[in-house]
C-alpha atoms as a PDB file:
ATOM      1  CA  UNK A   1      20.312  -4.630 -78.818  1.00  0.00           C
ATOM      2  CA  UNK A   2      20.666  -4.723 -82.583  1.00  0.00           C
ATOM      3  CA  UNK A   3      23.886  -2.680 -82.336  1.00  0.00           C
ATOM      4  CA  UNK A   4      25.302  -5.220 -79.890  1.00  0.00           C
ATOM      5  CA  UNK A   5      24.401  -8.060 -82.217  1.00  0.00           C
ATOM      6  CA  UNK A   6      26.009  -6.153 -85.073  1.00  0.00           C
ATOM      7  CA  UNK A   7      29.164  -5.659 -82.999  1.00  0.00           C
ATOM      8  CA  UNK A   8      29.336  -9.360 -82.184  1.00  0.00           C
ATOM      9  CA  UNK A   9      28.618 -10.246 -85.826  1.00  0.00           C
ATOM     10  CA  UNK A  10      31.264  -7.805 -86.989  1.00  0.00           C
ATOM     11  CA  UNK A  11      33.764  -9.275 -84.478  1.00  0.00           C
ATOM     12  CA  UNK A  12      33.011 -12.792 -85.643  1.00  0.00           C
ATOM     13  CA  UNK A  13      33.319 -11.890 -89.334  1.00  0.00           C
ATOM     14  CA  UNK A  14      36.514  -9.920 -88.743  1.00  0.00           C
ATOM     15  CA  UNK A  15      38.073 -12.781 -86.750  1.00  0.00           C
ATOM     16  CA  UNK A  16      37.093 -15.301 -89.436  1.00  0.00           C
ATOM     17  CA  UNK A  17      38.422 -13.057 -92.208  1.00  0.00           C
ATOM     18  CA  UNK A  18      41.728 -12.487 -90.450  1.00  0.00           C
ATOM     19  CA  UNK A  19      41.990 -16.172 -89.579  1.00  0.00           C
ATOM     20  CA  UNK A  20      41.441 -17.137 -93.231  1.00  0.00           C
ATOM     21  CA  UNK A  21      44.130 -14.697 -94.400  1.00  0.00           C
ATOM     22  CA  UNK A  22      46.561 -15.894 -91.792  1.00  0.00           C
ATOM     23  CA  UNK A  23      45.774 -19.539 -92.489  1.00  0.00           C
ATOM     24  CA  UNK A  24      46.620 -18.979 -96.191  1.00  0.00           C
ATOM     25  CA  UNK A  25      49.884 -17.270 -95.236  1.00  0.00           C
ATOM     26  CA  UNK A  26      50.816 -20.200 -92.971  1.00  0.00           C
ATOM     27  CA  UNK A  27      49.961 -22.752 -95.664  1.00  0.00           C
ATOM     28  CA  UNK A  28      52.097 -20.897 -98.237  1.00  0.00           C
ATOM     29  CA  UNK A  29      54.983 -20.752 -95.779  1.00  0.00           C
ATOM     30  CA  UNK A  30      54.638 -24.490 -95.082  1.00  0.00           C
ATOM     31  CA  UNK A  31      54.675 -25.270 -98.813  1.00  0.00           C
ATOM     32  CA  UNK A  32      57.794 -23.167 -99.406  1.00  0.00           C
ATOM     33  CA  UNK A  33      59.603 -24.807 -96.484  1.00  0.00           C
ATOM     34  CA  UNK A  34      58.701 -28.282 -97.713  1.00  0.00           C
ATOM     35  CA  UNK A  35      59.817 -27.524-101.290  1.00  0.00           C
ATOM     36  CA  UNK A  36      63.079 -26.015-100.112  1.00  0.00           C
ATOM     37  CA  UNK A  37      63.842 -28.964 -97.814  1.00  0.00           C
ATOM     38  CA  UNK A  38      62.928 -31.476-100.527  1.00  0.00           C
ATOM     39  CA  UNK A  39      65.046 -29.744-103.182  1.00  0.00           C
ATOM     40  CA  UNK A  40      68.075 -29.478-100.900  1.00  0.00           C
ATOM     41  CA  UNK A  41      67.948 -33.103 -99.795  1.00  0.00           C
ATOM     42  CA  UNK A  42      67.364 -34.354-103.352  1.00  0.00           C
ATOM     43  CA  UNK A  43      70.488 -32.613-104.679  1.00  0.00           C
ATOM     44  CA  UNK A  44      72.601 -33.922-101.824  1.00  0.00           C
ATOM     45  CA  UNK A  45      71.287 -37.466-102.278  1.00  0.00           C
ATOM     46  CA  UNK A  46      71.979 -37.454-106.046  1.00  0.00           C
ATOM     47  CA  UNK A  47      75.587 -36.269-105.544  1.00  0.00           C
ATOM     48  CA  UNK A  48      76.340 -38.818-102.849  1.00  0.00           C
ATOM     49  CA  UNK A  49      74.615 -41.691-104.677  1.00  0.00           C
ATOM     50  CA  UNK A  50      77.061 -41.356-107.610  1.00  0.00           C
ATOM     51  CA  UNK A  51      80.096 -41.509-105.298  1.00  0.00           C
ATOM     52  CA  UNK A  52      79.220 -43.988-102.578  1.00  0.00           C
ATOM     53  CA  UNK A  53      78.552 -47.687-102.292  1.00  0.00           C
ATOM     54  CA  UNK A  54      75.206 -49.194-101.379  1.00  0.00           C
ATOM     55  CA  UNK A  55      76.115 -49.236 -97.705  1.00  0.00           C
ATOM     56  CA  UNK A  56      76.951 -45.546 -97.692  1.00  0.00           C
ATOM     57  CA  UNK A  57      73.700 -44.763 -99.554  1.00  0.00           C
ATOM     58  CA  UNK A  58      71.740 -46.637 -96.876  1.00  0.00           C
ATOM     59  CA  UNK A  59      73.614 -44.769 -94.178  1.00  0.00           C
ATOM     60  CA  UNK A  60      72.864 -41.486 -95.927  1.00  0.00           C
ATOM     61  CA  UNK A  61      69.175 -42.391 -96.176  1.00  0.00           C
ATOM     62  CA  UNK A  62      69.084 -42.973 -92.465  1.00  0.00           C
ATOM     63  CA  UNK A  63      70.742 -39.611 -91.868  1.00  0.00           C
ATOM     64  CA  UNK A  64      68.362 -37.895 -94.316  1.00  0.00           C
ATOM     65  CA  UNK A  65      65.373 -39.327 -92.472  1.00  0.00           C
ATOM     66  CA  UNK A  66      66.758 -37.919 -89.234  1.00  0.00           C
ATOM     67  CA  UNK A  67      67.280 -34.507 -90.859  1.00  0.00           C
ATOM     68  CA  UNK A  68      63.782 -34.542 -92.321  1.00  0.00           C
ATOM     69  CA  UNK A  69      62.409 -35.307 -88.890  1.00  0.00           C
ATOM     70  CA  UNK A  70      64.438 -32.462 -87.396  1.00  0.00           C
ATOM     71  CA  UNK A  71      63.349 -30.059 -90.154  1.00  0.00           C
ATOM     72  CA  UNK A  72      59.740 -31.137 -89.656  1.00  0.00           C
ATOM     73  CA  UNK A  73      60.060 -30.587 -85.906  1.00  0.00           C
ATOM     74  CA  UNK A  74      61.636 -27.160 -86.396  1.00  0.00           C
ATOM     75  CA  UNK A  75      59.023 -26.217 -89.001  1.00  0.00           C
ATOM     76  CA  UNK A  76      56.226 -27.332 -86.700  1.00  0.00           C
ATOM     77  CA  UNK A  77      57.642 -25.276 -83.833  1.00  0.00           C
ATOM     78  CA  UNK A  78      57.897 -22.202 -86.077  1.00  0.00           C
ATOM     79  CA  UNK A  79      54.361 -22.675 -87.373  1.00  0.00           C
ATOM     80  CA  UNK A  80      52.942 -23.115 -83.878  1.00  0.00           C
ATOM     81  CA  UNK A  81      54.724 -19.953 -82.753  1.00  0.00           C
ATOM     82  CA  UNK A  82      53.453 -18.040 -85.803  1.00  0.00           C
ATOM     83  CA  UNK A  83      49.896 -19.339 -85.355  1.00  0.00           C
ATOM     84  CA  UNK A  84      49.902 -18.352 -81.675  1.00  0.00           C
ATOM     85  CA  UNK A  85      51.190 -14.883 -82.585  1.00  0.00           C
ATOM     86  CA  UNK A  86      48.375 -14.438 -85.126  1.00  0.00           C
ATOM     87  CA  UNK A  87      45.673 -15.666 -82.750  1.00  0.00           C
ATOM     88  CA  UNK A  88      46.944 -13.489 -79.911  1.00  0.00           C
ATOM     89  CA  UNK A  89      47.109 -10.474 -82.230  1.00  0.00           C
ATOM     90  CA  UNK A  90      43.528 -10.986 -83.411  1.00  0.00           C
ATOM     91  CA  UNK A  91      42.177 -11.413 -79.890  1.00  0.00           C
ATOM     92  CA  UNK A  92      44.220  -8.557 -78.440  1.00  0.00           C
ATOM     93  CA  UNK A  93      42.710  -6.312 -81.120  1.00  0.00           C
ATOM     94  CA  UNK A  94      39.247  -7.651 -80.291  1.00  0.00           C
ATOM     95  CA  UNK A  95      39.903  -6.942 -76.600  1.00  0.00           C
ATOM     96  CA  UNK A  96      40.917  -3.357 -77.394  1.00  0.00           C
ATOM     97  CA  UNK A  97      37.722  -2.888 -79.417  1.00  0.00           C
ATOM     98  CA  UNK A  98      35.661  -4.220 -76.504  1.00  0.00           C
ATOM     99  CA  UNK A  99      37.428  -1.868 -74.096  1.00  0.00           C
ATOM    100  CA  UNK A 100      36.560   1.019 -76.435  1.00  0.00           C
ATOM    101  CA  UNK A 101      32.965  -0.260 -76.525  1.00  0.00           C
ATOM    102  CA  UNK A 102      32.888  -0.182 -72.699  1.00  0.00           C
ATOM    103  CA  UNK A 103      33.676   3.536 -72.890  1.00  0.00           C
ATOM    104  CA  UNK A 104      31.000   4.273 -75.490  1.00  0.00           C
ATOM    105  CA  UNK A 105      27.392   5.451 -75.147  1.00  0.00           C
ATOM    106  CA  UNK A 106      26.181   1.987 -76.157  1.00  0.00           C
ATOM    107  CA  UNK A 107      27.741   0.364 -73.094  1.00  0.00           C
ATOM    108  CA  UNK A 108      25.105   1.374 -70.529  1.00  0.00           C
ATOM    109  CA  UNK A 109      22.170  -0.011 -72.567  1.00  0.00           C
ATOM    110  CA  UNK A 110      24.231  -3.185 -73.021  1.00  0.00           C
ATOM    111  CA  UNK A 111      24.763  -3.433 -69.238  1.00  0.00           C
ATOM    112  CA  UNK A 112      21.071  -2.774 -68.525  1.00  0.00           C
ATOM    113  CA  UNK A 113      20.078  -5.514 -70.956  1.00  0.00           C
ATOM    114  CA  UNK A 114      22.425  -7.959 -69.222  1.00  0.00           C
ATOM    115  CA  UNK A 115      21.029  -6.997 -65.802  1.00  0.00           C
ATOM    116  CA  UNK A 116      17.409  -7.309 -66.924  1.00  0.00           C
ATOM    117  CA  UNK A 117      18.145 -10.704 -68.474  1.00  0.00           C
ATOM    118  CA  UNK A 118      19.129 -12.201 -65.091  1.00  0.00           C
ATOM    119  CA  UNK A 119      17.077 -10.024 -62.709  1.00  0.00           C
ATOM    120  CA  UNK A 120      14.387 -12.627 -61.940  1.00  0.00           C
ATOM    121  CA  UNK A 121      16.975 -15.329 -61.223  1.00  0.00           C
ATOM    122  CA  UNK A 122      18.397 -13.450 -58.236  1.00  0.00           C
ATOM    123  CA  UNK A 123      15.302 -11.616 -56.933  1.00  0.00           C
ATOM    124  CA  UNK A 124      14.855 -13.464 -53.649  1.00  0.00           C
ATOM    125  CA  UNK A 125      18.428 -14.541 -53.000  1.00  0.00           C
ATOM    126  CA  UNK A 126      21.473 -13.303 -51.158  1.00  0.00           C
ATOM    127  CA  UNK A 127      23.405 -12.121 -54.208  1.00  0.00           C
ATOM    128  CA  UNK A 128      26.353  -9.903 -55.079  1.00  0.00           C
ATOM    129  CA  UNK A 129      26.688  -7.971 -58.325  1.00  0.00           C
ATOM    130  CA  UNK A 130      30.288  -7.742 -59.541  1.00  0.00           C
ATOM    131  CA  UNK A 131      31.419  -5.111 -62.048  1.00  0.00           C
ATOM    132  CA  UNK A 132      34.789  -3.663 -62.998  1.00  0.00           C
ATOM    133  CA  UNK A 133      36.224  -0.896 -60.835  1.00  0.00           C
ATOM    134  CA  UNK A 134      35.607   1.768 -63.500  1.00  0.00           C
ATOM    135  CA  UNK A 135      31.904   0.831 -63.645  1.00  0.00           C
ATOM    136  CA  UNK A 136      31.208   1.526 -59.958  1.00  0.00           C
ATOM    137  CA  UNK A 137      29.937   4.947 -61.023  1.00  0.00           C
ATOM    138  CA  UNK A 138      27.106   3.097 -62.840  1.00  0.00           C
ATOM    139  CA  UNK A 139      26.013   1.300 -59.656  1.00  0.00           C
ATOM    140  CA  UNK A 140      22.763   3.246 -59.110  1.00  0.00           C
ATOM    141  CA  UNK A 141      21.630   2.888 -62.733  1.00  0.00           C
ATOM    142  CA  UNK A 142      22.397  -0.823 -62.696  1.00  0.00           C
ATOM    143  CA  UNK A 143      20.475  -1.411 -59.459  1.00  0.00           C
ATOM    144  CA  UNK A 144      17.564   0.549 -60.930  1.00  0.00           C
ATOM    145  CA  UNK A 145      17.612  -1.751 -63.974  1.00  0.00           C
ATOM    146  CA  UNK A 146      17.768  -4.760 -61.641  1.00  0.00           C
ATOM    147  CA  UNK A 147      14.693  -3.553 -59.781  1.00  0.00           C
ATOM    148  CA  UNK A 148      15.900  -4.355 -56.250  1.00  0.00           C
ATOM    149  CA  UNK A 149      18.942  -3.704 -54.055  1.00  0.00           C
ATOM    150  CA  UNK A 150      21.843  -6.108 -53.767  1.00  0.00           C
ATOM    151  CA  UNK A 151      25.458  -5.625 -52.790  1.00  0.00           C
ATOM    152  CA  UNK A 152      27.654  -4.282 -55.612  1.00  0.00           C
ATOM    153  CA  UNK A 153      31.410  -4.910 -55.627  1.00  0.00           C
ATOM    154  CA  UNK A 154      34.296  -4.280 -57.970  1.00  0.00           C
ATOM    155  CA  UNK A 155      35.959  -7.437 -59.258  1.00  0.00           C
ATOM    156  CA  UNK A 156      39.579  -7.744 -60.356  1.00  0.00           C
ATOM    157  CA  UNK A 157      38.431 -10.589 -62.617  1.00  0.00           C
ATOM    158  CA  UNK A 158      36.502  -8.142 -64.811  1.00  0.00           C
ATOM    159  CA  UNK A 159      38.944  -6.169 -66.905  1.00  0.00           C
ATOM    160  CA  UNK A 160      36.882  -5.317 -70.005  1.00  0.00           C
ATOM    161  CA  UNK A 161      33.336  -4.924 -68.696  1.00  0.00           C
ATOM    162  CA  UNK A 162      29.959  -6.542 -68.172  1.00  0.00           C
ATOM    163  CA  UNK A 163      28.438  -8.070 -65.053  1.00  0.00           C
ATOM    164  CA  UNK A 164      28.774 -11.149 -62.919  1.00  0.00           C
ATOM    165  CA  UNK A 165      26.218 -12.069 -60.249  1.00  0.00           C
ATOM    166  CA  UNK A 166      26.858 -14.588 -57.499  1.00  0.00           C
ATOM    167  CA  UNK A 167      24.051 -16.232 -55.517  1.00  0.00           C
ATOM    168  CA  UNK A 168      25.725 -16.962 -52.168  1.00  0.00           C
ATOM    169  CA  UNK A 169      22.973 -19.311 -50.919  1.00  0.00           C
ATOM    170  CA  UNK A 170      22.797 -21.554 -53.986  1.00  0.00           C
ATOM    171  CA  UNK A 171      26.436 -21.269 -55.104  1.00  0.00           C
ATOM    172  CA  UNK A 172      25.292 -20.003 -58.516  1.00  0.00           C
ATOM    173  CA  UNK A 173      27.312 -17.586 -60.618  1.00  0.00           C
ATOM    174  CA  UNK A 174      26.064 -16.001 -63.821  1.00  0.00           C
ATOM    175  CA  UNK A 175      28.906 -14.518 -65.840  1.00  0.00           C
ATOM    176  CA  UNK A 176      27.756 -11.970 -68.414  1.00  0.00           C
ATOM    177  CA  UNK A 177      31.131 -10.256 -68.725  1.00  0.00           C
ATOM    178  CA  UNK A 178      32.804  -9.270 -71.967  1.00  0.00           C
ATOM    179  CA  UNK A 179      35.944 -10.911 -70.551  1.00  0.00           C
ATOM    180  CA  UNK A 180      34.184 -14.284 -70.317  1.00  0.00           C
ATOM    181  CA  UNK A 181      32.593 -13.898 -73.755  1.00  0.00           C
ATOM    182  CA  UNK A 182      35.974 -13.099 -75.344  1.00  0.00           C
ATOM    183  CA  UNK A 183      37.637 -16.034 -73.559  1.00  0.00           C
ATOM    184  CA  UNK A 184      34.898 -18.384 -74.805  1.00  0.00           C
ATOM    185  CA  UNK A 185      35.214 -16.987 -78.331  1.00  0.00           C
ATOM    186  CA  UNK A 186      38.971 -17.601 -78.268  1.00  0.00           C
ATOM    187  CA  UNK A 187      38.489 -21.192 -77.069  1.00  0.00           C
ATOM    188  CA  UNK A 188      35.886 -21.769 -79.789  1.00  0.00           C
ATOM    189  CA  UNK A 189      38.192 -20.218 -82.381  1.00  0.00           C
ATOM    190  CA  UNK A 190      41.113 -22.424 -81.333  1.00  0.00           C
ATOM    191  CA  UNK A 191      38.946 -25.533 -81.695  1.00  0.00           C
ATOM    192  CA  UNK A 192      37.186 -24.580 -84.934  1.00  0.00           C
ATOM    193  CA  UNK A 193      39.480 -22.264 -86.887  1.00  0.00           C
ATOM    194  CA  UNK A 194      41.246 -24.975 -88.876  1.00  0.00           C
ATOM    195  CA  UNK A 195      44.636 -23.623 -87.791  1.00  0.00           C
ATOM    196  CA  UNK A 196      45.730 -27.021 -86.520  1.00  0.00           C
ATOM    197  CA  UNK A 197      49.411 -27.799 -87.009  1.00  0.00           C
ATOM    198  CA  UNK A 198      50.272 -31.410 -87.789  1.00  0.00           C
END
């Protein structure tokens, strides 16, 4: 169990480290874009101000505001795209690491721990244990860890690994899949990472 905690801790630290690096890169890119836009508009405004009347200067200011808005919109779109690329890259790498974990020797103890954690909840119910297709070979070991027989099915919703148990009588589902954990981690990361574009 300590190895699993270490894996999750490592994942969290790695995601936070990568997020911090990528956040700094985004902030530097934003600063450079703002300085470049400001410098360009300032030079153009100074040239035109010497040559044009007050009315033309006001017209130019209106146009400059429109350009700034357009540049800001374009910059925001680029930053959002870049942020999404970084987040997807980080979580795709995390997914690959979890898939590798599901092929390791530590996976079966992880699965047994998940089964034992929820075993009492489903003891006297009409329940189905869902696992990924590749884990059907573990069926007997998982039922042994559960301590009683229930129906075991492969689920297309489980791509990485873990278990999901559905209580058909009480409409209760316990999702202990790595897929669900990664999805929740990504949602948490999106809300708390500080990579908000304004």
